[in-house]
Amino acid sequence: MTTEYIAYVSARILLEPPEDAAGPEELCRRLAGLGFGQAILEGQYGGEPVPEALLGACVEQLAAEGLGVMMAVRPVGVDGFGQAAQGVETRAPLLCYGAESTLAGLEQALARLARWSGRVVLADGFLTSCRCALCAAGAAEGGWSVYRRRILTRAAQRLRGAVQAARPDAELTVKLSHNYDRNLQFGACISDFAEVFDGVW
């Protein structure tokens, strides 16, 4: 049995490669040299998308090196992306999934990346700790954990629909942290997600 390693390449690295690299294409060549079989390119971190020309160059270089390519979005409320979650339960810049601006922004980001690869990852942060007035009204019946689980599952259904509308053969995977209790507290239920997403990591 062989083990295939997957490299996660952040948007920040793509936009600001290390000084000793000749550019993103050189980074891609290095990944192949290190033995990675696949790479996940973070095409958007919050409201900061990686330019199309840069994404295209990286996808082309990785394919030339024989690596499989996946695309990823980090759903976090930075750079004015979506509506930031209100409240003090977490320090992470999570989003409010009761807000249309959050859902519309993620739909657009995921659909854009699906055109580059048929495998898209919603990476780290697909949780919510929001306690805004809209979310508080939703949690009035059933409590916070029930509401958060329900609203994230609904969001997941909508986001997967956006990916498949952009590319019918595309798959959407969600990547969660390894802290099961924390995930569930903030709305991420693995059993619910398994019925919506094409993969749960």
N, C-alpha and C. Protein backbone atom coordinates (compact mmCIF):
# COMPACT_ATOMS: atom_id res chain seq x y z
N MET A 1 0.84 -1.20 0.00
CA MET A 1 0.00 0.00 0.00
C MET A 1 0.88 1.25 0.00
N THR A 2 0.64 2.13 -0.93
CA THR A 2 1.42 3.36 -1.01
C THR A 2 0.60 4.53 -0.48
N THR A 3 1.30 5.50 0.02
CA THR A 3 0.66 6.70 0.56
C THR A 3 0.88 7.86 -0.39
N GLU A 4 -0.19 8.54 -0.76
CA GLU A 4 -0.08 9.71 -1.63
C GLU A 4 -0.23 10.97 -0.78
N TYR A 5 0.71 11.86 -0.91
CA TYR A 5 0.68 13.09 -0.13
C TYR A 5 0.05 14.21 -0.94
N ILE A 6 -0.73 15.04 -0.23
CA ILE A 6 -1.41 16.17 -0.86
C ILE A 6 -0.86 17.46 -0.26
N ALA A 7 -0.43 18.37 -1.09
CA ALA A 7 0.07 19.67 -0.63
C ALA A 7 -1.04 20.70 -0.67
N TYR A 8 -1.13 21.50 0.39
CA TYR A 8 -2.09 22.60 0.42
C TYR A 8 -1.31 23.89 0.21
N VAL A 9 -1.60 24.57 -0.90
CA VAL A 9 -0.87 25.78 -1.27
C VAL A 9 -1.77 26.98 -1.00
N SER A 10 -1.41 27.79 -0.02
CA SER A 10 -2.27 28.90 0.39
C SER A 10 -2.26 30.02 -0.65
N ALA A 11 -3.33 30.82 -0.62
CA ALA A 11 -3.41 31.97 -1.52
C ALA A 11 -2.27 32.94 -1.26
N ARG A 12 -1.89 33.08 0.00
CA ARG A 12 -0.82 34.01 0.35
C ARG A 12 0.50 33.61 -0.30
N ILE A 13 0.78 32.31 -0.31
CA ILE A 13 2.02 31.82 -0.94
C ILE A 13 1.99 32.07 -2.44
N LEU A 14 0.82 31.89 -3.05
CA LEU A 14 0.71 32.13 -4.48
C LEU A 14 0.90 33.61 -4.81
N LEU A 15 0.33 34.46 -3.97
CA LEU A 15 0.40 35.89 -4.24
C LEU A 15 1.75 36.49 -3.85
N GLU A 16 2.37 35.91 -2.82
CA GLU A 16 3.66 36.41 -2.35
C GLU A 16 4.61 35.25 -2.13
N PRO A 17 5.13 34.65 -3.22
CA PRO A 17 6.01 33.50 -3.08
C PRO A 17 7.30 33.86 -2.35
N PRO A 18 7.95 32.88 -1.71
CA PRO A 18 9.21 33.15 -1.00
C PRO A 18 10.25 33.77 -1.92
N GLU A 19 11.15 34.53 -1.33
CA GLU A 19 12.16 35.24 -2.13
C GLU A 19 13.06 34.30 -2.91
N ASP A 20 13.25 33.08 -2.39
CA ASP A 20 14.15 32.15 -3.09
C ASP A 20 13.46 31.38 -4.20
N ALA A 21 12.18 31.66 -4.43
CA ALA A 21 11.46 31.03 -5.53
C ALA A 21 11.35 32.01 -6.68
N ALA A 22 11.43 31.48 -7.90
CA ALA A 22 11.37 32.35 -9.07
C ALA A 22 9.95 32.73 -9.43
N GLY A 23 8.99 32.27 -8.67
CA GLY A 23 7.59 32.56 -8.94
C GLY A 23 6.74 31.35 -8.62
N PRO A 24 5.43 31.47 -8.75
CA PRO A 24 4.53 30.36 -8.44
C PRO A 24 4.83 29.10 -9.25
N GLU A 25 5.25 29.27 -10.51
CA GLU A 25 5.55 28.09 -11.33
C GLU A 25 6.69 27.29 -10.72
N GLU A 26 7.70 27.99 -10.17
CA GLU A 26 8.81 27.30 -9.52
C GLU A 26 8.33 26.56 -8.27
N LEU A 27 7.41 27.15 -7.53
CA LEU A 27 6.84 26.46 -6.37
C LEU A 27 6.17 25.16 -6.79
N CYS A 28 5.46 25.20 -7.90
CA CYS A 28 4.79 24.00 -8.40
C CYS A 28 5.79 22.92 -8.77
N ARG A 29 6.89 23.32 -9.38
CA ARG A 29 7.92 22.34 -9.72
C ARG A 29 8.51 21.72 -8.46
N ARG A 30 8.69 22.52 -7.42
CA ARG A 30 9.24 22.01 -6.17
C ARG A 30 8.31 20.99 -5.53
N LEU A 31 7.03 21.21 -5.61
CA LEU A 31 6.08 20.27 -5.03
C LEU A 31 6.24 18.89 -5.67
N ALA A 32 6.36 18.87 -6.98
CA ALA A 32 6.54 17.60 -7.68
C ALA A 32 7.85 16.95 -7.25
N GLY A 33 8.88 17.74 -7.07
CA GLY A 33 10.17 17.21 -6.67
C GLY A 33 10.17 16.65 -5.26
N LEU A 34 9.26 17.13 -4.42
CA LEU A 34 9.18 16.66 -3.04
C LEU A 34 8.32 15.40 -2.89
N GLY A 35 7.73 14.95 -3.97
CA GLY A 35 7.00 13.70 -3.93
C GLY A 35 5.50 13.81 -3.73
N PHE A 36 4.95 15.00 -3.80
CA PHE A 36 3.50 15.15 -3.67
C PHE A 36 2.81 14.62 -4.93
N GLY A 37 1.67 13.97 -4.72
CA GLY A 37 0.91 13.46 -5.85
C GLY A 37 -0.21 14.38 -6.29
N GLN A 38 -0.69 15.20 -5.35
CA GLN A 38 -1.76 16.13 -5.65
C GLN A 38 -1.51 17.45 -4.92
N ALA A 39 -2.14 18.48 -5.41
CA ALA A 39 -2.02 19.80 -4.78
C ALA A 39 -3.39 20.45 -4.71
N ILE A 40 -3.65 21.09 -3.58
CA ILE A 40 -4.85 21.90 -3.42
C ILE A 40 -4.42 23.35 -3.50
N LEU A 41 -4.89 24.05 -4.51
CA LEU A 41 -4.56 25.47 -4.66
C LEU A 41 -5.66 26.30 -4.01
N GLU A 42 -5.29 27.11 -3.04
CA GLU A 42 -6.26 28.00 -2.41
C GLU A 42 -6.48 29.19 -3.33
N GLY A 43 -7.58 29.14 -4.06
CA GLY A 43 -7.85 30.17 -5.06
C GLY A 43 -8.48 31.41 -4.49
N GLN A 44 -8.92 31.32 -3.23
CA GLN A 44 -9.51 32.50 -2.58
C GLN A 44 -9.44 32.33 -1.08
N TYR A 45 -8.95 33.36 -0.40
CA TYR A 45 -8.92 33.40 1.06
C TYR A 45 -9.78 34.57 1.48
N GLY A 46 -10.98 34.26 2.01
CA GLY A 46 -11.88 35.35 2.32
C GLY A 46 -12.19 36.14 1.06
N GLY A 47 -12.01 37.43 1.12
CA GLY A 47 -12.32 38.28 -0.03
C GLY A 47 -11.15 38.53 -0.95
N GLU A 48 -10.09 37.73 -0.83
CA GLU A 48 -8.90 37.94 -1.65
C GLU A 48 -8.74 36.82 -2.67
N PRO A 49 -9.24 36.99 -3.89
CA PRO A 49 -9.10 35.95 -4.91
C PRO A 49 -7.73 36.01 -5.58
N VAL A 50 -7.21 34.85 -5.91
CA VAL A 50 -5.99 34.78 -6.70
C VAL A 50 -6.35 35.09 -8.14
N PRO A 51 -5.61 35.98 -8.83
CA PRO A 51 -5.95 36.35 -10.21
C PRO A 51 -6.04 35.15 -11.14
N GLU A 52 -6.91 35.24 -12.12
CA GLU A 52 -7.14 34.14 -13.05
C GLU A 52 -5.86 33.72 -13.77
N ALA A 53 -5.07 34.69 -14.23
CA ALA A 53 -3.85 34.35 -14.97
C ALA A 53 -2.89 33.54 -14.11
N LEU A 54 -2.79 33.90 -12.84
CA LEU A 54 -1.90 33.19 -11.92
C LEU A 54 -2.41 31.78 -11.65
N LEU A 55 -3.72 31.65 -11.42
CA LEU A 55 -4.30 30.33 -11.23
C LEU A 55 -4.04 29.43 -12.44
N GLY A 56 -4.27 30.00 -13.62
CA GLY A 56 -4.08 29.23 -14.85
C GLY A 56 -2.65 28.74 -15.01
N ALA A 57 -1.69 29.61 -14.69
CA ALA A 57 -0.28 29.23 -14.81
C ALA A 57 0.07 28.11 -13.83
N CYS A 58 -0.48 28.18 -12.62
CA CYS A 58 -0.19 27.16 -11.61
C CYS A 58 -0.83 25.83 -11.98
N VAL A 59 -2.08 25.87 -12.43
CA VAL A 59 -2.77 24.64 -12.83
C VAL A 59 -2.02 23.97 -13.98
N GLU A 60 -1.60 24.76 -14.95
CA GLU A 60 -0.87 24.23 -16.10
C GLU A 60 0.46 23.61 -15.67
N GLN A 61 1.19 24.30 -14.78
CA GLN A 61 2.48 23.80 -14.35
C GLN A 61 2.34 22.52 -13.53
N LEU A 62 1.35 22.48 -12.63
CA LEU A 62 1.14 21.28 -11.82
C LEU A 62 0.75 20.09 -12.69
N ALA A 63 -0.10 20.33 -13.67
CA ALA A 63 -0.50 19.25 -14.57
C ALA A 63 0.71 18.75 -15.37
N ALA A 64 1.57 19.68 -15.78
CA ALA A 64 2.77 19.30 -16.53
C ALA A 64 3.71 18.46 -15.68
N GLU A 65 3.68 18.69 -14.36
CA GLU A 65 4.53 17.92 -13.44
C GLU A 65 3.88 16.62 -13.00
N GLY A 66 2.65 16.37 -13.49
CA GLY A 66 1.97 15.12 -13.18
C GLY A 66 1.18 15.11 -11.90
N LEU A 67 0.92 16.29 -11.32
CA LEU A 67 0.15 16.38 -10.08
C LEU A 67 -1.32 16.59 -10.37
N GLY A 68 -2.18 15.94 -9.60
CA GLY A 68 -3.60 16.24 -9.66
C GLY A 68 -3.85 17.58 -9.00
N VAL A 69 -4.86 18.29 -9.45
CA VAL A 69 -5.10 19.65 -8.95
C VAL A 69 -6.52 19.77 -8.40
N MET A 70 -6.62 20.28 -7.18
CA MET A 70 -7.89 20.66 -6.59
C MET A 70 -7.83 22.15 -6.27
N MET A 71 -8.99 22.78 -6.18
CA MET A 71 -9.06 24.19 -5.83
C MET A 71 -9.76 24.34 -4.49
N ALA A 72 -9.42 25.40 -3.75
CA ALA A 72 -10.01 25.57 -2.42
C ALA A 72 -10.38 27.02 -2.14
N VAL A 73 -11.37 27.17 -1.27
CA VAL A 73 -11.79 28.47 -0.73
C VAL A 73 -11.75 28.36 0.78
N ARG A 74 -11.19 29.37 1.44
CA ARG A 74 -11.27 29.45 2.89
C ARG A 74 -12.43 30.39 3.23
N PRO A 75 -13.51 29.87 3.81
CA PRO A 75 -14.69 30.71 4.08
C PRO A 75 -14.54 31.49 5.38
N VAL A 76 -13.77 32.54 5.31
CA VAL A 76 -13.54 33.37 6.49
C VAL A 76 -13.85 34.82 6.18
N GLY A 77 -14.23 35.56 7.22
CA GLY A 77 -14.67 36.95 7.04
C GLY A 77 -13.54 37.95 7.08
N VAL A 78 -12.66 37.88 6.10
CA VAL A 78 -11.58 38.87 6.01
C VAL A 78 -11.73 39.64 4.71
N ASP A 79 -11.15 40.84 4.67
CA ASP A 79 -11.21 41.70 3.49
C ASP A 79 -12.64 42.02 3.07
N GLY A 80 -13.53 42.12 4.07
CA GLY A 80 -14.91 42.50 3.77
C GLY A 80 -15.71 41.43 3.10
N PHE A 81 -15.27 40.17 3.19
CA PHE A 81 -15.96 39.08 2.51
C PHE A 81 -17.14 38.60 3.34
N GLY A 82 -18.33 38.53 2.74
CA GLY A 82 -19.51 38.06 3.44
C GLY A 82 -19.84 38.94 4.64
N GLN A 83 -20.67 38.41 5.50
CA GLN A 83 -20.99 39.11 6.75
C GLN A 83 -20.31 38.40 7.89
N ALA A 84 -19.46 39.10 8.60
CA ALA A 84 -18.73 38.50 9.70
C ALA A 84 -19.68 38.08 10.81
N ALA A 85 -19.37 36.96 11.45
CA ALA A 85 -20.16 36.50 12.58
C ALA A 85 -20.04 37.47 13.74
N GLN A 86 -21.13 37.70 14.44
CA GLN A 86 -21.13 38.53 15.63
C GLN A 86 -21.10 37.65 16.87
N GLY A 87 -20.48 38.16 17.93
CA GLY A 87 -20.40 37.40 19.16
C GLY A 87 -18.96 37.14 19.56
N VAL A 88 -18.78 36.53 20.71
CA VAL A 88 -17.43 36.36 21.26
C VAL A 88 -17.10 34.89 21.55
N GLU A 89 -17.83 33.97 20.97
CA GLU A 89 -17.56 32.55 21.23
C GLU A 89 -16.26 32.08 20.61
N THR A 90 -15.88 32.66 19.50
CA THR A 90 -14.63 32.27 18.84
C THR A 90 -13.86 33.52 18.44
N ARG A 91 -12.56 33.36 18.34
CA ARG A 91 -11.72 34.46 17.84
C ARG A 91 -11.53 34.36 16.33
N ALA A 92 -11.84 33.20 15.77
CA ALA A 92 -11.68 33.01 14.32
C ALA A 92 -12.67 33.89 13.57
N PRO A 93 -12.28 34.40 12.39
CA PRO A 93 -13.17 35.27 11.61
C PRO A 93 -14.22 34.48 10.83
N LEU A 94 -15.11 33.81 11.58
CA LEU A 94 -16.15 33.02 10.94
C LEU A 94 -17.22 33.92 10.32
N LEU A 95 -18.12 33.31 9.57
CA LEU A 95 -19.13 34.06 8.83
C LEU A 95 -20.54 33.79 9.36
N CYS A 96 -21.44 34.69 9.02
CA CYS A 96 -22.86 34.52 9.32
C CYS A 96 -23.53 33.89 8.10
N TYR A 97 -24.09 32.70 8.26
CA TYR A 97 -24.71 32.01 7.14
C TYR A 97 -26.21 32.29 7.04
N GLY A 98 -26.69 33.19 7.89
CA GLY A 98 -28.04 33.69 7.72
C GLY A 98 -28.07 34.87 6.77
N ALA A 99 -26.88 35.40 6.44
CA ALA A 99 -26.76 36.58 5.58
C ALA A 99 -26.62 36.19 4.12
N GLU A 100 -27.41 36.80 3.27
CA GLU A 100 -27.35 36.51 1.84
C GLU A 100 -26.00 36.88 1.26
N SER A 101 -25.36 37.93 1.76
CA SER A 101 -24.06 38.34 1.22
C SER A 101 -23.01 37.25 1.41
N THR A 102 -23.09 36.52 2.51
CA THR A 102 -22.15 35.41 2.74
C THR A 102 -22.37 34.30 1.72
N LEU A 103 -23.60 33.89 1.57
CA LEU A 103 -23.91 32.79 0.66
C LEU A 103 -23.61 33.15 -0.79
N ALA A 104 -23.99 34.36 -1.18
CA ALA A 104 -23.75 34.78 -2.56
C ALA A 104 -22.25 34.89 -2.85
N GLY A 105 -21.50 35.40 -1.89
CA GLY A 105 -20.05 35.51 -2.08
C GLY A 105 -19.38 34.16 -2.22
N LEU A 106 -19.78 33.20 -1.39
CA LEU A 106 -19.21 31.86 -1.48
C LEU A 106 -19.64 31.14 -2.75
N GLU A 107 -20.88 31.31 -3.13
CA GLU A 107 -21.34 30.72 -4.39
C GLU A 107 -20.48 31.19 -5.56
N GLN A 108 -20.24 32.47 -5.62
CA GLN A 108 -19.45 33.04 -6.70
C GLN A 108 -18.02 32.52 -6.68
N ALA A 109 -17.43 32.47 -5.48
CA ALA A 109 -16.04 32.01 -5.36
C ALA A 109 -15.90 30.54 -5.75
N LEU A 110 -16.81 29.71 -5.28
CA LEU A 110 -16.73 28.28 -5.58
C LEU A 110 -17.00 27.99 -7.05
N ALA A 111 -17.96 28.68 -7.63
CA ALA A 111 -18.27 28.48 -9.04
C ALA A 111 -17.08 28.89 -9.91
N ARG A 112 -16.41 29.96 -9.53
CA ARG A 112 -15.22 30.41 -10.28
C ARG A 112 -14.14 29.33 -10.26
N LEU A 113 -13.90 28.73 -9.11
CA LEU A 113 -12.84 27.74 -9.00
C LEU A 113 -13.22 26.42 -9.64
N ALA A 114 -14.51 26.10 -9.68
CA ALA A 114 -14.95 24.86 -10.31
C ALA A 114 -14.62 24.85 -11.80
N ARG A 115 -14.49 26.01 -12.38
CA ARG A 115 -14.16 26.07 -13.81
C ARG A 115 -12.71 25.68 -14.06
N TRP A 116 -11.87 25.75 -13.02
CA TRP A 116 -10.47 25.37 -13.15
C TRP A 116 -10.23 23.92 -12.81
N SER A 117 -11.04 23.37 -11.94
CA SER A 117 -10.86 21.97 -11.53
C SER A 117 -12.21 21.38 -11.14
N GLY A 118 -12.39 20.10 -11.44
CA GLY A 118 -13.62 19.43 -11.08
C GLY A 118 -13.67 18.99 -9.63
N ARG A 119 -12.62 19.32 -8.88
CA ARG A 119 -12.59 18.99 -7.46
C ARG A 119 -12.33 20.26 -6.66
N VAL A 120 -13.31 20.66 -5.88
CA VAL A 120 -13.26 21.90 -5.13
C VAL A 120 -13.40 21.59 -3.64
N VAL A 121 -12.64 22.30 -2.83
CA VAL A 121 -12.63 22.06 -1.39
C VAL A 121 -13.04 23.32 -0.64
N LEU A 122 -13.99 23.16 0.27
CA LEU A 122 -14.36 24.24 1.19
C LEU A 122 -13.53 23.98 2.44
N ALA A 123 -12.45 24.74 2.58
CA ALA A 123 -11.38 24.36 3.51
C ALA A 123 -11.38 25.15 4.81
N ASP A 124 -11.48 24.44 5.93
CA ASP A 124 -11.29 25.03 7.26
C ASP A 124 -12.11 26.29 7.49
N GLY A 125 -13.01 26.23 8.41
CA GLY A 125 -13.75 27.43 8.76
C GLY A 125 -15.21 27.42 8.36
N PHE A 126 -15.69 26.31 7.79
CA PHE A 126 -17.11 26.23 7.46
C PHE A 126 -17.88 25.90 8.74
N LEU A 127 -17.92 26.89 9.60
CA LEU A 127 -18.57 26.84 10.91
C LEU A 127 -19.21 28.20 11.14
N THR A 128 -20.06 28.30 12.13
CA THR A 128 -20.58 29.63 12.47
C THR A 128 -20.77 29.76 13.97
N SER A 129 -20.39 30.91 14.47
CA SER A 129 -20.61 31.24 15.89
C SER A 129 -21.43 32.52 16.00
N CYS A 130 -22.11 32.87 14.90
CA CYS A 130 -22.78 34.16 14.84
C CYS A 130 -23.96 34.24 15.81
N ARG A 131 -24.07 35.39 16.47
CA ARG A 131 -25.18 35.67 17.37
C ARG A 131 -25.86 37.00 17.00
N CYS A 132 -25.90 37.29 15.71
CA CYS A 132 -26.58 38.50 15.28
C CYS A 132 -28.08 38.35 15.51
N ALA A 133 -28.83 39.43 15.28
CA ALA A 133 -30.27 39.41 15.53
C ALA A 133 -30.97 38.37 14.66
N LEU A 134 -30.53 38.24 13.41
CA LEU A 134 -31.14 37.27 12.50
C LEU A 134 -30.92 35.84 13.00
N CYS A 135 -29.69 35.56 13.42
CA CYS A 135 -29.38 34.21 13.92
C CYS A 135 -30.07 33.95 15.26
N ALA A 136 -30.13 34.97 16.10
CA ALA A 136 -30.80 34.81 17.39
C ALA A 136 -32.27 34.45 17.21
N ALA A 137 -32.90 35.07 16.20
CA ALA A 137 -34.31 34.76 15.92
C ALA A 137 -34.45 33.32 15.45
N GLY A 138 -33.48 32.86 14.64
CA GLY A 138 -33.52 31.49 14.16
C GLY A 138 -33.30 30.47 15.26
N ALA A 139 -32.50 30.87 16.26
CA ALA A 139 -32.19 29.96 17.36
C ALA A 139 -33.22 29.99 18.48
N ALA A 140 -34.21 30.87 18.36
CA ALA A 140 -35.20 31.01 19.43
C ALA A 140 -35.96 29.71 19.68
N GLU A 141 -36.17 28.95 18.63
CA GLU A 141 -36.85 27.67 18.77
C GLU A 141 -35.84 26.55 18.51
N GLY A 142 -35.49 25.84 19.52
CA GLY A 142 -34.57 24.71 19.36
C GLY A 142 -33.19 24.94 19.92
N GLY A 143 -32.79 26.21 20.06
CA GLY A 143 -31.48 26.51 20.63
C GLY A 143 -30.40 26.69 19.57
N TRP A 144 -29.23 27.14 20.03
CA TRP A 144 -28.14 27.50 19.14
C TRP A 144 -27.58 26.31 18.36
N SER A 145 -27.35 25.18 19.00
CA SER A 145 -26.73 24.06 18.29
C SER A 145 -27.63 23.52 17.18
N VAL A 146 -28.92 23.46 17.45
CA VAL A 146 -29.86 22.99 16.44
C VAL A 146 -29.92 23.96 15.27
N TYR A 147 -30.00 25.24 15.59
CA TYR A 147 -30.06 26.26 14.53
C TYR A 147 -28.81 26.25 13.67
N ARG A 148 -27.64 26.21 14.31
CA ARG A 148 -26.39 26.26 13.55
C ARG A 148 -26.23 25.04 12.65
N ARG A 149 -26.61 23.90 13.16
CA ARG A 149 -26.54 22.68 12.34
C ARG A 149 -27.47 22.80 11.15
N ARG A 150 -28.66 23.32 11.37
CA ARG A 150 -29.63 23.45 10.29
C ARG A 150 -29.18 24.46 9.25
N ILE A 151 -28.68 25.60 9.69
CA ILE A 151 -28.35 26.65 8.72
C ILE A 151 -27.10 26.31 7.92
N LEU A 152 -26.14 25.59 8.55
CA LEU A 152 -24.95 25.18 7.80
C LEU A 152 -25.28 24.08 6.79
N THR A 153 -26.18 23.18 7.15
CA THR A 153 -26.57 22.14 6.20
C THR A 153 -27.30 22.75 5.00
N ARG A 154 -28.15 23.72 5.27
CA ARG A 154 -28.82 24.42 4.16
C ARG A 154 -27.81 25.16 3.29
N ALA A 155 -26.85 25.81 3.93
CA ALA A 155 -25.81 26.51 3.17
C ALA A 155 -25.02 25.52 2.32
N ALA A 156 -24.70 24.36 2.88
CA ALA A 156 -23.96 23.34 2.14
C ALA A 156 -24.71 22.92 0.89
N GLN A 157 -26.01 22.73 1.00
CA GLN A 157 -26.83 22.33 -0.15
C GLN A 157 -26.79 23.40 -1.24
N ARG A 158 -26.87 24.63 -0.82
CA ARG A 158 -26.85 25.73 -1.80
C ARG A 158 -25.48 25.85 -2.47
N LEU A 159 -24.42 25.70 -1.69
CA LEU A 159 -23.07 25.84 -2.24
C LEU A 159 -22.74 24.71 -3.20
N ARG A 160 -23.15 23.51 -2.85
CA ARG A 160 -22.91 22.39 -3.77
C ARG A 160 -23.68 22.60 -5.07
N GLY A 161 -24.88 23.15 -4.96
CA GLY A 161 -25.65 23.44 -6.15
C GLY A 161 -24.95 24.44 -7.05
N ALA A 162 -24.31 25.45 -6.45
CA ALA A 162 -23.61 26.46 -7.23
C ALA A 162 -22.41 25.85 -7.96
N VAL A 163 -21.71 24.95 -7.31
CA VAL A 163 -20.56 24.29 -7.94
C VAL A 163 -21.01 23.45 -9.13
N GLN A 164 -22.08 22.69 -8.95
CA GLN A 164 -22.54 21.83 -10.03
C GLN A 164 -23.20 22.61 -11.16
N ALA A 165 -23.75 23.78 -10.84
CA ALA A 165 -24.29 24.63 -11.91
C ALA A 165 -23.16 25.16 -12.78
N ALA A 166 -22.01 25.44 -12.17
CA ALA A 166 -20.86 25.93 -12.93
C ALA A 166 -20.18 24.82 -13.71
N ARG A 167 -20.21 23.61 -13.13
CA ARG A 167 -19.55 22.46 -13.77
C ARG A 167 -20.26 21.20 -13.30
N PRO A 168 -21.11 20.62 -14.12
CA PRO A 168 -21.97 19.50 -13.68
C PRO A 168 -21.22 18.29 -13.11
N ASP A 169 -19.99 18.06 -13.56
CA ASP A 169 -19.24 16.90 -13.08
C ASP A 169 -18.36 17.22 -11.87
N ALA A 170 -18.47 18.45 -11.35
CA ALA A 170 -17.59 18.86 -10.25
C ALA A 170 -18.03 18.24 -8.93
N GLU A 171 -17.05 18.05 -8.05
CA GLU A 171 -17.29 17.54 -6.70
C GLU A 171 -16.89 18.59 -5.69
N LEU A 172 -17.67 18.70 -4.63
CA LEU A 172 -17.37 19.65 -3.56
C LEU A 172 -17.12 18.89 -2.27
N THR A 173 -15.93 19.08 -1.71
CA THR A 173 -15.53 18.44 -0.46
C THR A 173 -15.41 19.49 0.63
N VAL A 174 -15.79 19.14 1.85
CA VAL A 174 -15.60 20.05 2.97
C VAL A 174 -14.48 19.50 3.85
N LYS A 175 -13.57 20.36 4.24
CA LYS A 175 -12.44 19.97 5.10
C LYS A 175 -12.66 20.61 6.47
N LEU A 176 -12.75 19.76 7.50
CA LEU A 176 -13.00 20.23 8.86
C LEU A 176 -11.78 20.01 9.74
N SER A 177 -11.78 20.64 10.89
CA SER A 177 -10.72 20.39 11.86
C SER A 177 -10.98 19.01 12.49
N HIS A 178 -10.03 18.54 13.29
CA HIS A 178 -10.18 17.22 13.91
C HIS A 178 -10.90 17.29 15.25
N ASN A 179 -11.35 18.46 15.64
CA ASN A 179 -12.04 18.63 16.92
C ASN A 179 -13.54 18.43 16.70
N TYR A 180 -14.00 17.20 16.87
CA TYR A 180 -15.39 16.87 16.54
C TYR A 180 -16.37 17.68 17.38
N ASP A 181 -16.12 17.77 18.69
CA ASP A 181 -17.06 18.49 19.56
C ASP A 181 -17.17 19.95 19.17
N ARG A 182 -16.04 20.57 18.83
CA ARG A 182 -16.06 21.98 18.43
C ARG A 182 -16.81 22.14 17.11
N ASN A 183 -16.56 21.24 16.17
CA ASN A 183 -17.27 21.31 14.90
C ASN A 183 -18.78 21.27 15.12
N LEU A 184 -19.22 20.33 15.94
CA LEU A 184 -20.65 20.16 16.17
C LEU A 184 -21.24 21.37 16.90
N GLN A 185 -20.48 21.93 17.83
CA GLN A 185 -20.94 23.10 18.57
C GLN A 185 -21.24 24.26 17.64
N PHE A 186 -20.45 24.38 16.58
CA PHE A 186 -20.60 25.51 15.67
C PHE A 186 -21.22 25.12 14.32
N GLY A 187 -22.01 24.03 14.35
CA GLY A 187 -22.89 23.74 13.22
C GLY A 187 -22.46 22.67 12.24
N ALA A 188 -21.23 22.17 12.33
CA ALA A 188 -20.75 21.20 11.35
C ALA A 188 -21.02 19.78 11.83
N CYS A 189 -22.05 19.16 11.31
CA CYS A 189 -22.42 17.79 11.66
C CYS A 189 -21.96 16.87 10.54
N ILE A 190 -21.05 15.96 10.85
CA ILE A 190 -20.47 15.11 9.83
C ILE A 190 -21.53 14.25 9.13
N SER A 191 -22.47 13.72 9.89
CA SER A 191 -23.49 12.86 9.26
C SER A 191 -24.38 13.66 8.30
N ASP A 192 -24.71 14.90 8.66
CA ASP A 192 -25.48 15.75 7.74
C ASP A 192 -24.66 16.11 6.52
N PHE A 193 -23.41 16.48 6.74
CA PHE A 193 -22.54 16.89 5.63
C PHE A 193 -22.30 15.74 4.66
N ALA A 194 -22.21 14.52 5.18
CA ALA A 194 -21.96 13.36 4.31
C ALA A 194 -23.09 13.15 3.31
N GLU A 195 -24.28 13.63 3.62
CA GLU A 195 -25.41 13.49 2.70
C GLU A 195 -25.46 14.61 1.67
N VAL A 196 -24.66 15.65 1.87
CA VAL A 196 -24.68 16.79 0.96
C VAL A 196 -23.40 16.87 0.13
N PHE A 197 -22.26 16.88 0.80
CA PHE A 197 -20.99 17.03 0.10
C PHE A 197 -20.56 15.72 -0.54
N ASP A 198 -19.68 15.83 -1.53
CA ASP A 198 -19.14 14.64 -2.18
C ASP A 198 -18.03 14.00 -1.36
N GLY A 199 -17.50 14.75 -0.39
CA GLY A 199 -16.49 14.21 0.50
C GLY A 199 -16.43 15.05 1.77
N VAL A 200 -16.10 14.42 2.89
CA VAL A 200 -15.92 15.12 4.16
C VAL A 200 -14.56 14.70 4.70
N TRP A 201 -13.66 15.65 4.86
CA TRP A 201 -12.31 15.38 5.37
C TRP A 201 -12.22 15.91 6.80
